[in-house]
């Protein structure tokens, strides 16, 4: 009996309160991805004709080496969502904006995939994979970790600001929150270099399937 109590204490002590928030945000991401797919499916033929021509021109320029992502654009793509999630942890508005950010991340990711598939068929899925896989491997986990840590802090700020005086203790940002950001920043820097080295190779390999 005593052994069971010790095990329960260990499990409760190891429980990370940010985990449920990260799971909810992951579900919101999936909901946004579904919305992106449905939105892409509902676009009219004129929109798809223009978009299809744009993607074909993009692929042709990329294949000839005339179009590659700059370092600045890679930094924005990699750090954008994660940095916003981290900063929203210092604002009561993050209660609403962090889930919106997660949904937007999923929406635009799946919308991009759906556009490639709609324009190029099955080969479009491989093109989308070549274009996005490296980025998602680095950005999605970092975003969910930071957003999962920022959301409860933002909830505390919201409760402090609009709780009608029921809370008086300040919101504490421990060193763990800042260490998470530093760790994720280091991972994202590595991701930027992998993006510039690997994504052109993967995307051009996928373009070979269109020939």
N, C-alpha and C. Protein backbone atom coordinates (compact mmCIF):
# COMPACT_ATOMS: atom_id res chain seq x y z
N UNK A 1 0.83 -1.21 0.00
CA UNK A 1 0.00 0.00 0.00
C UNK A 1 0.86 1.26 0.00
N UNK A 2 1.87 1.25 0.89
CA UNK A 2 2.77 2.39 0.96
C UNK A 2 3.53 2.57 -0.34
N UNK A 3 3.90 1.43 -0.99
CA UNK A 3 4.61 1.51 -2.26
C UNK A 3 3.77 2.17 -3.33
N UNK A 4 2.45 1.90 -3.34
CA UNK A 4 1.57 2.54 -4.32
C UNK A 4 1.49 4.04 -4.09
N UNK A 5 1.44 4.43 -2.82
CA UNK A 5 1.40 5.86 -2.51
C UNK A 5 2.65 6.57 -2.99
N UNK A 6 3.81 5.92 -2.83
CA UNK A 6 5.07 6.50 -3.30
C UNK A 6 5.05 6.65 -4.81
N UNK A 7 4.56 5.63 -5.52
CA UNK A 7 4.50 5.68 -6.98
C UNK A 7 3.59 6.81 -7.44
N UNK A 8 2.44 6.97 -6.78
CA UNK A 8 1.53 8.05 -7.13
C UNK A 8 2.17 9.41 -6.92
N UNK A 9 2.92 9.54 -5.81
CA UNK A 9 3.60 10.81 -5.53
C UNK A 9 4.63 11.13 -6.60
N UNK A 10 5.37 10.10 -7.04
CA UNK A 10 6.38 10.30 -8.08
C UNK A 10 5.71 10.73 -9.39
N UNK A 11 4.61 10.06 -9.72
CA UNK A 11 3.93 10.39 -10.96
C UNK A 11 3.39 11.81 -10.93
N UNK A 12 2.78 12.21 -9.81
CA UNK A 12 2.25 13.56 -9.71
C UNK A 12 3.37 14.59 -9.73
N UNK A 13 4.52 14.23 -9.11
CA UNK A 13 5.64 15.16 -9.09
C UNK A 13 6.25 15.35 -10.47
N UNK A 14 6.19 14.32 -11.30
CA UNK A 14 6.75 14.41 -12.64
C UNK A 14 5.78 15.00 -13.64
N UNK A 15 4.52 15.24 -13.23
CA UNK A 15 3.50 15.73 -14.15
C UNK A 15 3.80 17.16 -14.57
N UNK A 16 3.83 17.39 -15.86
CA UNK A 16 4.10 18.72 -16.40
C UNK A 16 2.76 19.39 -16.69
N UNK A 17 2.42 20.47 -15.98
CA UNK A 17 1.12 21.12 -16.20
C UNK A 17 0.98 21.72 -17.59
N UNK A 18 2.09 21.93 -18.31
CA UNK A 18 2.00 22.48 -19.66
C UNK A 18 1.59 21.42 -20.69
N UNK A 19 1.67 20.14 -20.29
CA UNK A 19 1.37 19.07 -21.25
C UNK A 19 -0.07 19.12 -21.75
N UNK A 20 -1.09 19.27 -20.88
CA UNK A 20 -2.46 19.33 -21.40
C UNK A 20 -2.67 20.49 -22.36
N UNK A 21 -2.06 21.66 -22.05
CA UNK A 21 -2.20 22.80 -22.95
C UNK A 21 -1.57 22.52 -24.30
N UNK A 22 -0.41 21.85 -24.30
CA UNK A 22 0.25 21.52 -25.56
C UNK A 22 -0.61 20.55 -26.38
N UNK A 23 -1.27 19.60 -25.69
CA UNK A 23 -2.14 18.66 -26.40
C UNK A 23 -3.33 19.38 -27.01
N UNK A 24 -3.94 20.29 -26.24
CA UNK A 24 -5.07 21.07 -26.77
C UNK A 24 -4.63 21.89 -27.98
N UNK A 25 -3.47 22.51 -27.89
CA UNK A 25 -2.97 23.33 -29.00
C UNK A 25 -2.65 22.47 -30.22
N UNK A 26 -2.18 21.24 -29.98
CA UNK A 26 -1.94 20.32 -31.10
C UNK A 26 -3.26 19.98 -31.79
N UNK A 27 -4.32 19.79 -31.00
CA UNK A 27 -5.64 19.52 -31.58
C UNK A 27 -6.16 20.74 -32.35
N UNK A 28 -5.89 21.93 -31.82
CA UNK A 28 -6.27 23.16 -32.53
C UNK A 28 -5.50 23.25 -33.85
N UNK A 29 -4.22 22.88 -33.82
CA UNK A 29 -3.41 22.85 -35.04
C UNK A 29 -4.05 21.93 -36.08
N UNK A 30 -4.47 20.74 -35.64
CA UNK A 30 -5.10 19.79 -36.56
C UNK A 30 -6.43 20.33 -37.08
N UNK A 31 -7.17 21.03 -36.19
CA UNK A 31 -8.41 21.65 -36.64
C UNK A 31 -8.15 22.72 -37.69
N UNK A 32 -7.10 23.52 -37.48
CA UNK A 32 -6.73 24.51 -38.49
C UNK A 32 -6.30 23.87 -39.78
N UNK A 33 -5.59 22.73 -39.68
CA UNK A 33 -5.17 22.02 -40.89
C UNK A 33 -6.39 21.52 -41.68
N UNK A 34 -7.39 21.02 -40.95
CA UNK A 34 -8.62 20.59 -41.62
C UNK A 34 -9.30 21.77 -42.30
N UNK A 35 -9.32 22.91 -41.61
CA UNK A 35 -9.90 24.11 -42.21
C UNK A 35 -9.16 24.55 -43.45
N UNK A 36 -7.82 24.45 -43.44
CA UNK A 36 -7.04 24.81 -44.62
C UNK A 36 -7.33 23.90 -45.79
N UNK A 37 -7.51 22.61 -45.51
CA UNK A 37 -7.83 21.66 -46.58
C UNK A 37 -9.21 21.95 -47.16
N UNK A 38 -10.19 22.21 -46.30
CA UNK A 38 -11.55 22.48 -46.78
C UNK A 38 -11.61 23.80 -47.54
N UNK A 39 -10.86 24.78 -47.07
CA UNK A 39 -10.85 26.07 -47.78
C UNK A 39 -10.24 25.92 -49.17
N UNK A 40 -9.15 25.15 -49.24
CA UNK A 40 -8.52 24.93 -50.55
C UNK A 40 -9.46 24.18 -51.48
N UNK A 41 -10.20 23.21 -50.94
CA UNK A 41 -11.13 22.44 -51.77
C UNK A 41 -12.28 23.28 -52.28
N UNK A 42 -12.61 24.35 -51.54
CA UNK A 42 -13.75 25.18 -51.93
C UNK A 42 -13.40 26.33 -52.85
N UNK A 43 -12.14 26.51 -53.20
CA UNK A 43 -11.74 27.59 -54.11
C UNK A 43 -12.25 27.33 -55.51
N UNK A 44 -12.60 28.40 -56.21
CA UNK A 44 -13.14 28.29 -57.56
C UNK A 44 -12.07 27.97 -58.60
N UNK A 45 -12.54 27.66 -59.80
CA UNK A 45 -11.63 27.28 -60.88
C UNK A 45 -10.71 28.42 -61.29
N UNK A 46 -11.21 29.65 -61.29
CA UNK A 46 -10.37 30.79 -61.67
C UNK A 46 -9.22 30.97 -60.68
N UNK A 47 -9.54 30.80 -59.41
CA UNK A 47 -8.49 30.91 -58.38
C UNK A 47 -7.44 29.84 -58.58
N UNK A 48 -7.89 28.62 -58.85
CA UNK A 48 -6.95 27.51 -59.03
C UNK A 48 -6.12 27.65 -60.30
N UNK A 49 -6.71 28.22 -61.33
CA UNK A 49 -5.94 28.43 -62.56
C UNK A 49 -4.79 29.40 -62.32
N UNK A 50 -5.09 30.50 -61.63
CA UNK A 50 -4.04 31.48 -61.33
C UNK A 50 -3.01 30.91 -60.36
N UNK A 51 -3.48 30.21 -59.35
CA UNK A 51 -2.58 29.63 -58.37
C UNK A 51 -1.72 28.53 -58.98
N UNK A 52 -2.35 27.72 -59.85
CA UNK A 52 -1.60 26.66 -60.50
C UNK A 52 -0.49 27.20 -61.37
N UNK A 53 -0.76 28.30 -62.10
CA UNK A 53 0.28 28.90 -62.93
C UNK A 53 1.41 29.46 -62.07
N UNK A 54 1.03 30.05 -60.93
CA UNK A 54 2.05 30.58 -60.02
C UNK A 54 2.95 29.47 -59.50
N UNK A 55 2.36 28.35 -59.09
CA UNK A 55 3.16 27.25 -58.56
C UNK A 55 4.05 26.63 -59.63
N UNK A 56 3.54 26.54 -60.85
CA UNK A 56 4.35 25.99 -61.94
C UNK A 56 5.53 26.90 -62.24
N UNK A 57 5.28 28.21 -62.25
CA UNK A 57 6.38 29.16 -62.47
C UNK A 57 7.39 29.09 -61.32
N UNK A 58 6.88 28.95 -60.10
CA UNK A 58 7.75 28.84 -58.93
C UNK A 58 8.64 27.61 -59.04
N UNK A 59 8.04 26.47 -59.39
CA UNK A 59 8.81 25.23 -59.52
C UNK A 59 9.85 25.32 -60.64
N UNK A 60 9.48 25.96 -61.74
CA UNK A 60 10.41 26.09 -62.85
C UNK A 60 11.61 26.96 -62.46
N UNK A 61 11.34 28.07 -61.79
CA UNK A 61 12.44 28.94 -61.34
C UNK A 61 13.32 28.24 -60.31
N UNK A 62 12.69 27.50 -59.42
CA UNK A 62 13.44 26.79 -58.38
C UNK A 62 14.32 25.72 -59.02
N UNK A 63 13.80 25.04 -60.02
CA UNK A 63 14.54 23.96 -60.66
C UNK A 63 15.77 24.47 -61.39
N UNK A 64 15.67 25.68 -61.93
CA UNK A 64 16.81 26.25 -62.66
C UNK A 64 17.77 27.01 -61.75
N UNK A 65 17.49 27.01 -60.45
CA UNK A 65 18.37 27.70 -59.51
C UNK A 65 18.16 29.18 -59.44
N UNK A 66 17.08 29.67 -60.04
CA UNK A 66 16.83 31.11 -60.03
C UNK A 66 16.05 31.59 -58.84
N UNK A 67 15.66 30.68 -57.96
CA UNK A 67 14.84 31.06 -56.82
C UNK A 67 15.19 30.20 -55.62
N UNK A 68 15.74 30.80 -54.60
CA UNK A 68 16.04 30.10 -53.35
C UNK A 68 15.75 31.03 -52.19
N UNK A 69 15.33 30.45 -51.09
CA UNK A 69 14.98 31.25 -49.92
C UNK A 69 16.22 31.92 -49.34
N UNK A 70 16.08 33.20 -49.02
CA UNK A 70 17.19 33.93 -48.41
C UNK A 70 17.31 33.56 -46.93
N UNK A 71 18.43 33.91 -46.35
CA UNK A 71 18.62 33.65 -44.93
C UNK A 71 17.57 34.38 -44.09
N UNK A 72 17.27 35.63 -44.48
CA UNK A 72 16.29 36.42 -43.73
C UNK A 72 14.91 35.77 -43.76
N UNK A 73 14.49 35.31 -44.93
CA UNK A 73 13.17 34.67 -45.03
C UNK A 73 13.13 33.36 -44.26
N UNK A 74 14.23 32.63 -44.25
CA UNK A 74 14.29 31.38 -43.48
C UNK A 74 14.16 31.66 -41.99
N UNK A 75 14.82 32.71 -41.53
CA UNK A 75 14.73 33.07 -40.11
C UNK A 75 13.29 33.42 -39.74
N UNK A 76 12.62 34.18 -40.60
CA UNK A 76 11.22 34.54 -40.35
C UNK A 76 10.35 33.29 -40.33
N UNK A 77 10.53 32.40 -41.30
CA UNK A 77 9.72 31.19 -41.37
C UNK A 77 9.92 30.29 -40.16
N UNK A 78 11.13 30.23 -39.68
CA UNK A 78 11.45 29.33 -38.57
C UNK A 78 11.11 29.93 -37.21
N UNK A 79 11.36 31.21 -37.04
CA UNK A 79 11.19 31.81 -35.72
C UNK A 79 9.85 32.50 -35.54
N UNK A 80 9.10 32.71 -36.62
CA UNK A 80 7.88 33.49 -36.54
C UNK A 80 6.87 32.98 -35.52
N UNK A 81 6.35 31.77 -35.73
CA UNK A 81 5.31 31.24 -34.85
C UNK A 81 5.83 31.01 -33.43
N UNK A 82 7.02 30.45 -33.29
CA UNK A 82 7.56 30.15 -31.97
C UNK A 82 7.81 31.43 -31.17
N UNK A 83 8.36 32.44 -31.81
CA UNK A 83 8.64 33.70 -31.11
C UNK A 83 7.35 34.40 -30.69
N UNK A 84 6.35 34.38 -31.57
CA UNK A 84 5.07 34.99 -31.21
C UNK A 84 4.43 34.28 -30.02
N UNK A 85 4.50 32.94 -30.03
CA UNK A 85 3.95 32.18 -28.91
C UNK A 85 4.65 32.55 -27.61
N UNK A 86 5.97 32.65 -27.64
CA UNK A 86 6.74 33.02 -26.45
C UNK A 86 6.36 34.40 -25.96
N UNK A 87 6.25 35.37 -26.86
CA UNK A 87 5.94 36.74 -26.47
C UNK A 87 4.51 36.87 -25.95
N UNK A 88 3.58 36.08 -26.51
CA UNK A 88 2.20 36.14 -26.05
C UNK A 88 2.04 35.61 -24.63
N UNK A 89 3.05 34.86 -24.16
CA UNK A 89 3.03 34.43 -22.77
C UNK A 89 3.14 35.58 -21.79
N UNK A 90 3.51 36.77 -22.27
CA UNK A 90 3.61 37.96 -21.42
C UNK A 90 2.39 38.86 -21.55
N UNK A 91 1.35 38.37 -22.23
CA UNK A 91 0.16 39.18 -22.46
C UNK A 91 -1.10 38.39 -22.13
N UNK A 92 -2.06 39.06 -21.53
CA UNK A 92 -3.35 38.43 -21.25
C UNK A 92 -4.08 38.08 -22.55
N UNK A 93 -3.77 38.81 -23.62
CA UNK A 93 -4.41 38.52 -24.91
C UNK A 93 -4.01 37.16 -25.45
N UNK A 94 -2.92 36.60 -24.93
CA UNK A 94 -2.48 35.28 -25.37
C UNK A 94 -3.49 34.18 -25.09
N UNK A 95 -4.40 34.41 -24.14
CA UNK A 95 -5.45 33.43 -23.86
C UNK A 95 -6.19 33.07 -25.14
N UNK A 96 -6.49 34.07 -25.96
CA UNK A 96 -7.19 33.85 -27.22
C UNK A 96 -6.24 33.73 -28.40
N UNK A 97 -5.16 34.52 -28.38
CA UNK A 97 -4.30 34.60 -29.55
C UNK A 97 -3.40 33.39 -29.73
N UNK A 98 -3.00 32.72 -28.65
CA UNK A 98 -2.16 31.54 -28.79
C UNK A 98 -2.90 30.40 -29.49
N UNK A 99 -4.15 30.08 -29.12
CA UNK A 99 -4.89 29.08 -29.92
C UNK A 99 -5.12 29.53 -31.36
N UNK A 100 -5.38 30.83 -31.55
CA UNK A 100 -5.55 31.33 -32.92
C UNK A 100 -4.28 31.13 -33.72
N UNK A 101 -3.13 31.39 -33.09
CA UNK A 101 -1.84 31.21 -33.75
C UNK A 101 -1.62 29.75 -34.12
N UNK A 102 -1.99 28.84 -33.21
CA UNK A 102 -1.85 27.42 -33.49
C UNK A 102 -2.74 26.99 -34.65
N UNK A 103 -3.98 27.49 -34.65
CA UNK A 103 -4.88 27.17 -35.76
C UNK A 103 -4.39 27.72 -37.08
N UNK A 104 -3.85 28.95 -37.05
CA UNK A 104 -3.32 29.56 -38.27
C UNK A 104 -2.13 28.76 -38.80
N UNK A 105 -1.28 28.29 -37.91
CA UNK A 105 -0.13 27.46 -38.30
C UNK A 105 -0.62 26.23 -39.05
N UNK A 106 -1.61 25.54 -38.49
CA UNK A 106 -2.14 24.36 -39.15
C UNK A 106 -2.84 24.69 -40.45
N UNK A 107 -3.59 25.80 -40.47
CA UNK A 107 -4.34 26.20 -41.66
C UNK A 107 -3.42 26.44 -42.84
N UNK A 108 -2.43 27.29 -42.66
CA UNK A 108 -1.56 27.65 -43.78
C UNK A 108 -0.65 26.49 -44.21
N UNK A 109 -0.30 25.63 -43.26
CA UNK A 109 0.50 24.47 -43.63
C UNK A 109 -0.29 23.53 -44.54
N UNK A 110 -1.50 23.18 -44.12
CA UNK A 110 -2.30 22.27 -44.92
C UNK A 110 -2.81 22.92 -46.20
N UNK A 111 -3.05 24.22 -46.16
CA UNK A 111 -3.47 24.91 -47.37
C UNK A 111 -2.38 24.82 -48.44
N UNK A 112 -1.13 24.97 -48.02
CA UNK A 112 -0.02 24.84 -48.96
C UNK A 112 0.05 23.44 -49.54
N UNK A 113 -0.09 22.43 -48.68
CA UNK A 113 -0.06 21.04 -49.15
C UNK A 113 -1.21 20.80 -50.13
N UNK A 114 -2.40 21.27 -49.80
CA UNK A 114 -3.57 21.06 -50.66
C UNK A 114 -3.41 21.74 -52.00
N UNK A 115 -2.76 22.92 -51.99
CA UNK A 115 -2.53 23.62 -53.27
C UNK A 115 -1.62 22.81 -54.18
N UNK A 116 -0.56 22.27 -53.64
CA UNK A 116 0.34 21.44 -54.44
C UNK A 116 -0.38 20.21 -54.98
N UNK A 117 -1.17 19.57 -54.13
CA UNK A 117 -1.87 18.36 -54.56
C UNK A 117 -2.90 18.69 -55.63
N UNK A 118 -3.63 19.79 -55.45
CA UNK A 118 -4.64 20.17 -56.43
C UNK A 118 -4.02 20.50 -57.78
N UNK A 119 -2.84 21.10 -57.77
CA UNK A 119 -2.21 21.53 -59.02
C UNK A 119 -1.43 20.42 -59.71
N UNK A 120 -0.82 19.50 -58.92
CA UNK A 120 0.07 18.50 -59.51
C UNK A 120 -0.36 17.06 -59.24
N UNK A 121 -1.50 16.86 -58.62
CA UNK A 121 -1.96 15.50 -58.35
C UNK A 121 -1.13 14.84 -57.25
N UNK A 122 -0.92 13.53 -57.38
CA UNK A 122 -0.17 12.80 -56.36
C UNK A 122 1.25 13.30 -56.22
N UNK A 123 1.84 13.71 -57.34
CA UNK A 123 3.21 14.24 -57.28
C UNK A 123 3.27 15.51 -56.44
N UNK A 124 2.13 16.22 -56.35
CA UNK A 124 2.09 17.43 -55.54
C UNK A 124 2.31 17.16 -54.07
N UNK A 125 1.85 16.00 -53.59
CA UNK A 125 2.08 15.65 -52.19
C UNK A 125 3.57 15.48 -51.92
N UNK A 126 4.28 14.89 -52.89
CA UNK A 126 5.73 14.72 -52.73
C UNK A 126 6.43 16.07 -52.80
N UNK A 127 5.95 16.96 -53.67
CA UNK A 127 6.52 18.30 -53.75
C UNK A 127 6.33 19.05 -52.43
N UNK A 128 5.12 18.96 -51.89
CA UNK A 128 4.85 19.62 -50.61
C UNK A 128 5.72 19.04 -49.51
N UNK A 129 5.91 17.73 -49.53
CA UNK A 129 6.77 17.08 -48.54
C UNK A 129 8.19 17.59 -48.65
N UNK A 130 8.69 17.68 -49.89
CA UNK A 130 10.05 18.18 -50.09
C UNK A 130 10.21 19.62 -49.64
N UNK A 131 9.15 20.42 -49.81
CA UNK A 131 9.23 21.83 -49.47
C UNK A 131 9.07 22.10 -47.97
N UNK A 132 8.29 21.24 -47.28
CA UNK A 132 7.89 21.57 -45.91
C UNK A 132 8.44 20.65 -44.84
N UNK A 133 8.87 19.44 -45.19
CA UNK A 133 9.17 18.44 -44.17
C UNK A 133 10.28 18.89 -43.21
N UNK A 134 11.36 19.45 -43.76
CA UNK A 134 12.47 19.87 -42.90
C UNK A 134 12.00 20.97 -41.95
N UNK A 135 11.26 21.93 -42.48
CA UNK A 135 10.78 23.03 -41.66
C UNK A 135 9.85 22.55 -40.54
N UNK A 136 8.93 21.66 -40.86
CA UNK A 136 7.98 21.19 -39.86
C UNK A 136 8.65 20.36 -38.77
N UNK A 137 9.67 19.61 -39.14
CA UNK A 137 10.38 18.80 -38.14
C UNK A 137 10.96 19.68 -37.04
N UNK A 138 11.38 20.88 -37.41
CA UNK A 138 11.98 21.78 -36.41
C UNK A 138 10.96 22.74 -35.80
N UNK A 139 10.10 23.32 -36.63
CA UNK A 139 9.25 24.41 -36.14
C UNK A 139 8.05 23.92 -35.35
N UNK A 140 7.41 22.82 -35.76
CA UNK A 140 6.19 22.40 -35.09
C UNK A 140 6.42 21.97 -33.64
N UNK A 141 7.41 21.10 -33.34
CA UNK A 141 7.64 20.76 -31.93
C UNK A 141 8.02 21.97 -31.08
N UNK A 142 8.88 22.84 -31.62
CA UNK A 142 9.28 24.03 -30.86
C UNK A 142 8.09 24.94 -30.59
N UNK A 143 7.25 25.10 -31.59
CA UNK A 143 6.06 25.93 -31.39
C UNK A 143 5.15 25.36 -30.31
N UNK A 144 4.87 24.06 -30.38
CA UNK A 144 3.97 23.44 -29.41
C UNK A 144 4.54 23.49 -28.00
N UNK A 145 5.84 23.30 -27.87
CA UNK A 145 6.47 23.38 -26.54
C UNK A 145 6.35 24.79 -25.97
N UNK A 146 6.70 25.80 -26.77
CA UNK A 146 6.65 27.18 -26.28
C UNK A 146 5.22 27.65 -26.06
N UNK A 147 4.33 27.29 -26.98
CA UNK A 147 2.94 27.69 -26.83
C UNK A 147 2.30 27.01 -25.63
N UNK A 148 2.66 25.73 -25.42
CA UNK A 148 2.13 25.01 -24.26
C UNK A 148 2.61 25.60 -22.95
N UNK A 149 3.81 26.17 -22.93
CA UNK A 149 4.32 26.81 -21.72
C UNK A 149 3.78 28.23 -21.57
N UNK A 150 3.53 28.92 -22.69
CA UNK A 150 3.09 30.31 -22.64
C UNK A 150 1.61 30.44 -22.32
N UNK A 151 0.81 29.50 -22.79
CA UNK A 151 -0.64 29.62 -22.64
C UNK A 151 -1.09 29.68 -21.18
N UNK A 152 -0.64 28.77 -20.29
CA UNK A 152 -1.06 28.88 -18.89
C UNK A 152 -0.60 30.18 -18.22
N UNK A 153 0.56 30.69 -18.62
CA UNK A 153 1.02 31.97 -18.06
C UNK A 153 0.11 33.10 -18.50
N UNK A 154 -0.29 33.04 -19.77
CA UNK A 154 -1.22 34.04 -20.27
C UNK A 154 -2.58 33.93 -19.58
N UNK A 155 -3.00 32.70 -19.29
CA UNK A 155 -4.25 32.51 -18.54
C UNK A 155 -4.16 33.14 -17.15
N UNK A 156 -3.02 33.00 -16.50
CA UNK A 156 -2.83 33.61 -15.19
C UNK A 156 -2.88 35.13 -15.28
N UNK A 157 -2.27 35.68 -16.33
CA UNK A 157 -2.33 37.13 -16.52
C UNK A 157 -3.75 37.59 -16.76
N UNK A 158 -4.50 36.82 -17.54
CA UNK A 158 -5.88 37.17 -17.82
C UNK A 158 -6.70 37.14 -16.53
N UNK A 159 -6.47 36.11 -15.71
CA UNK A 159 -7.18 36.00 -14.44
C UNK A 159 -6.81 37.14 -13.51
N UNK A 160 -5.55 37.54 -13.54
CA UNK A 160 -5.09 38.65 -12.69
C UNK A 160 -5.70 39.98 -13.15
N UNK A 161 -5.82 40.14 -14.48
CA UNK A 161 -6.30 41.41 -15.03
C UNK A 161 -7.81 41.54 -14.97
N UNK A 162 -8.52 40.43 -15.16
CA UNK A 162 -9.97 40.49 -15.27
C UNK A 162 -10.68 39.60 -14.25
N UNK A 163 -9.95 39.21 -13.21
CA UNK A 163 -10.55 38.34 -12.21
C UNK A 163 -11.31 39.06 -11.13
N UNK A 164 -11.49 40.35 -11.26
CA UNK A 164 -12.27 41.10 -10.28
C UNK A 164 -11.63 41.15 -8.91
N UNK A 165 -10.28 41.13 -8.87
CA UNK A 165 -9.58 41.23 -7.61
C UNK A 165 -9.46 39.93 -6.85
N UNK A 166 -9.87 38.83 -7.44
CA UNK A 166 -9.79 37.54 -6.76
C UNK A 166 -8.36 37.04 -6.65
N UNK A 167 -7.49 37.54 -7.55
CA UNK A 167 -6.08 37.14 -7.49
C UNK A 167 -5.25 38.37 -7.11
N UNK A 168 -4.28 38.14 -6.28
CA UNK A 168 -3.41 39.25 -5.90
C UNK A 168 -1.94 38.92 -6.11
N UNK A 169 -1.61 37.62 -6.22
CA UNK A 169 -0.22 37.23 -6.40
C UNK A 169 0.21 37.45 -7.84
N UNK A 170 1.42 37.92 -8.08
CA UNK A 170 1.88 38.17 -9.45
C UNK A 170 2.16 36.88 -10.20
N UNK A 171 2.15 37.00 -11.52
CA UNK A 171 2.49 35.86 -12.37
C UNK A 171 4.01 35.73 -12.39
N UNK A 172 4.51 34.55 -12.08
CA UNK A 172 5.94 34.33 -12.00
C UNK A 172 6.44 33.62 -13.25
N UNK A 173 7.46 34.19 -13.86
CA UNK A 173 8.10 33.58 -15.03
C UNK A 173 9.42 32.96 -14.55
N UNK A 174 9.40 31.67 -14.34
CA UNK A 174 10.59 31.00 -13.85
C UNK A 174 11.66 30.89 -14.92
N UNK A 175 12.83 30.49 -14.50
CA UNK A 175 13.94 30.34 -15.44
C UNK A 175 13.64 29.28 -16.49
N UNK A 176 12.78 28.30 -16.15
CA UNK A 176 12.44 27.23 -17.08
C UNK A 176 11.83 27.79 -18.37
N UNK A 177 10.99 28.81 -18.23
CA UNK A 177 10.32 29.39 -19.40
C UNK A 177 11.35 29.99 -20.36
N UNK A 178 12.32 30.70 -19.82
CA UNK A 178 13.34 31.33 -20.66
C UNK A 178 14.33 30.30 -21.20
N UNK A 179 14.62 29.28 -20.41
CA UNK A 179 15.50 28.21 -20.89
C UNK A 179 14.87 27.45 -22.03
N UNK A 180 13.54 27.25 -21.96
CA UNK A 180 12.84 26.60 -23.07
C UNK A 180 13.00 27.39 -24.36
N UNK A 181 12.89 28.72 -24.24
CA UNK A 181 13.03 29.54 -25.43
C UNK A 181 14.44 29.48 -25.99
N UNK A 182 15.42 29.53 -25.11
CA UNK A 182 16.82 29.45 -25.55
C UNK A 182 17.09 28.11 -26.24
N UNK A 183 16.59 27.03 -25.65
CA UNK A 183 16.77 25.71 -26.25
C UNK A 183 16.08 25.62 -27.61
N UNK A 184 14.85 26.12 -27.68
CA UNK A 184 14.13 26.09 -28.95
C UNK A 184 14.81 26.98 -29.99
N UNK A 185 15.35 28.12 -29.54
CA UNK A 185 16.06 29.00 -30.47
C UNK A 185 17.28 28.31 -31.05
N UNK A 186 18.00 27.56 -30.22
CA UNK A 186 19.17 26.83 -30.72
C UNK A 186 18.74 25.77 -31.73
N UNK A 187 17.64 25.08 -31.45
CA UNK A 187 17.13 24.06 -32.37
C UNK A 187 16.70 24.71 -33.68
N UNK A 188 16.05 25.86 -33.60
CA UNK A 188 15.58 26.54 -34.80
C UNK A 188 16.73 27.09 -35.64
N UNK A 189 17.79 27.54 -34.99
CA UNK A 189 18.98 27.97 -35.74
C UNK A 189 19.54 26.80 -36.54
N UNK A 190 19.63 25.64 -35.89
CA UNK A 190 20.06 24.44 -36.61
C UNK A 190 19.11 24.14 -37.76
N UNK A 191 17.82 24.33 -37.52
CA UNK A 191 16.83 24.10 -38.57
C UNK A 191 17.01 25.01 -39.77
N UNK A 192 17.36 26.26 -39.51
CA UNK A 192 17.58 27.21 -40.62
C UNK A 192 18.69 26.72 -41.54
N UNK A 193 19.78 26.24 -40.95
CA UNK A 193 20.90 25.75 -41.76
C UNK A 193 20.51 24.46 -42.49
N UNK A 194 19.75 23.59 -41.83
CA UNK A 194 19.27 22.38 -42.50
C UNK A 194 18.32 22.73 -43.65
N UNK A 195 17.50 23.76 -43.43
CA UNK A 195 16.58 24.21 -44.48
C UNK A 195 17.35 24.63 -45.73
N UNK A 196 18.40 25.39 -45.54
CA UNK A 196 19.15 25.89 -46.68
C UNK A 196 19.98 24.80 -47.36
N UNK A 197 20.35 23.78 -46.60
CA UNK A 197 21.16 22.70 -47.17
C UNK A 197 20.31 21.58 -47.76
N UNK A 198 19.26 21.17 -47.03
CA UNK A 198 18.52 19.96 -47.41
C UNK A 198 17.28 20.22 -48.25
N UNK A 199 16.54 21.29 -47.94
CA UNK A 199 15.28 21.52 -48.64
C UNK A 199 15.47 21.70 -50.15
N UNK A 200 16.47 22.45 -50.63
CA UNK A 200 16.66 22.53 -52.09
C UNK A 200 16.90 21.15 -52.72
N UNK A 201 17.66 20.30 -52.05
CA UNK A 201 17.91 18.96 -52.58
C UNK A 201 16.63 18.12 -52.62
N UNK A 202 15.86 18.18 -51.54
CA UNK A 202 14.62 17.41 -51.48
C UNK A 202 13.60 17.92 -52.48
N UNK A 203 13.50 19.24 -52.61
CA UNK A 203 12.50 19.80 -53.52
C UNK A 203 12.86 19.52 -54.98
N UNK A 204 14.13 19.64 -55.30
CA UNK A 204 14.53 19.34 -56.68
C UNK A 204 14.37 17.86 -57.00
N UNK A 205 14.62 17.00 -56.01
CA UNK A 205 14.38 15.57 -56.21
C UNK A 205 12.90 15.31 -56.45
N UNK A 206 12.03 16.02 -55.73
CA UNK A 206 10.60 15.87 -55.94
C UNK A 206 10.19 16.41 -57.31
N UNK A 207 10.84 17.49 -57.73
CA UNK A 207 10.53 18.05 -59.07
C UNK A 207 10.85 17.05 -60.17
N UNK A 208 11.83 16.19 -59.94
CA UNK A 208 12.16 15.18 -60.93
C UNK A 208 11.01 14.22 -61.21
N UNK A 209 10.07 14.10 -60.27
CA UNK A 209 8.93 13.23 -60.46
C UNK A 209 7.93 13.80 -61.44
N UNK A 210 8.02 15.12 -61.67
CA UNK A 210 7.08 15.75 -62.60
C UNK A 210 7.50 15.58 -64.05
N UNK A 211 8.75 15.23 -64.29
CA UNK A 211 9.24 15.11 -65.67
C UNK A 211 8.74 13.82 -66.32
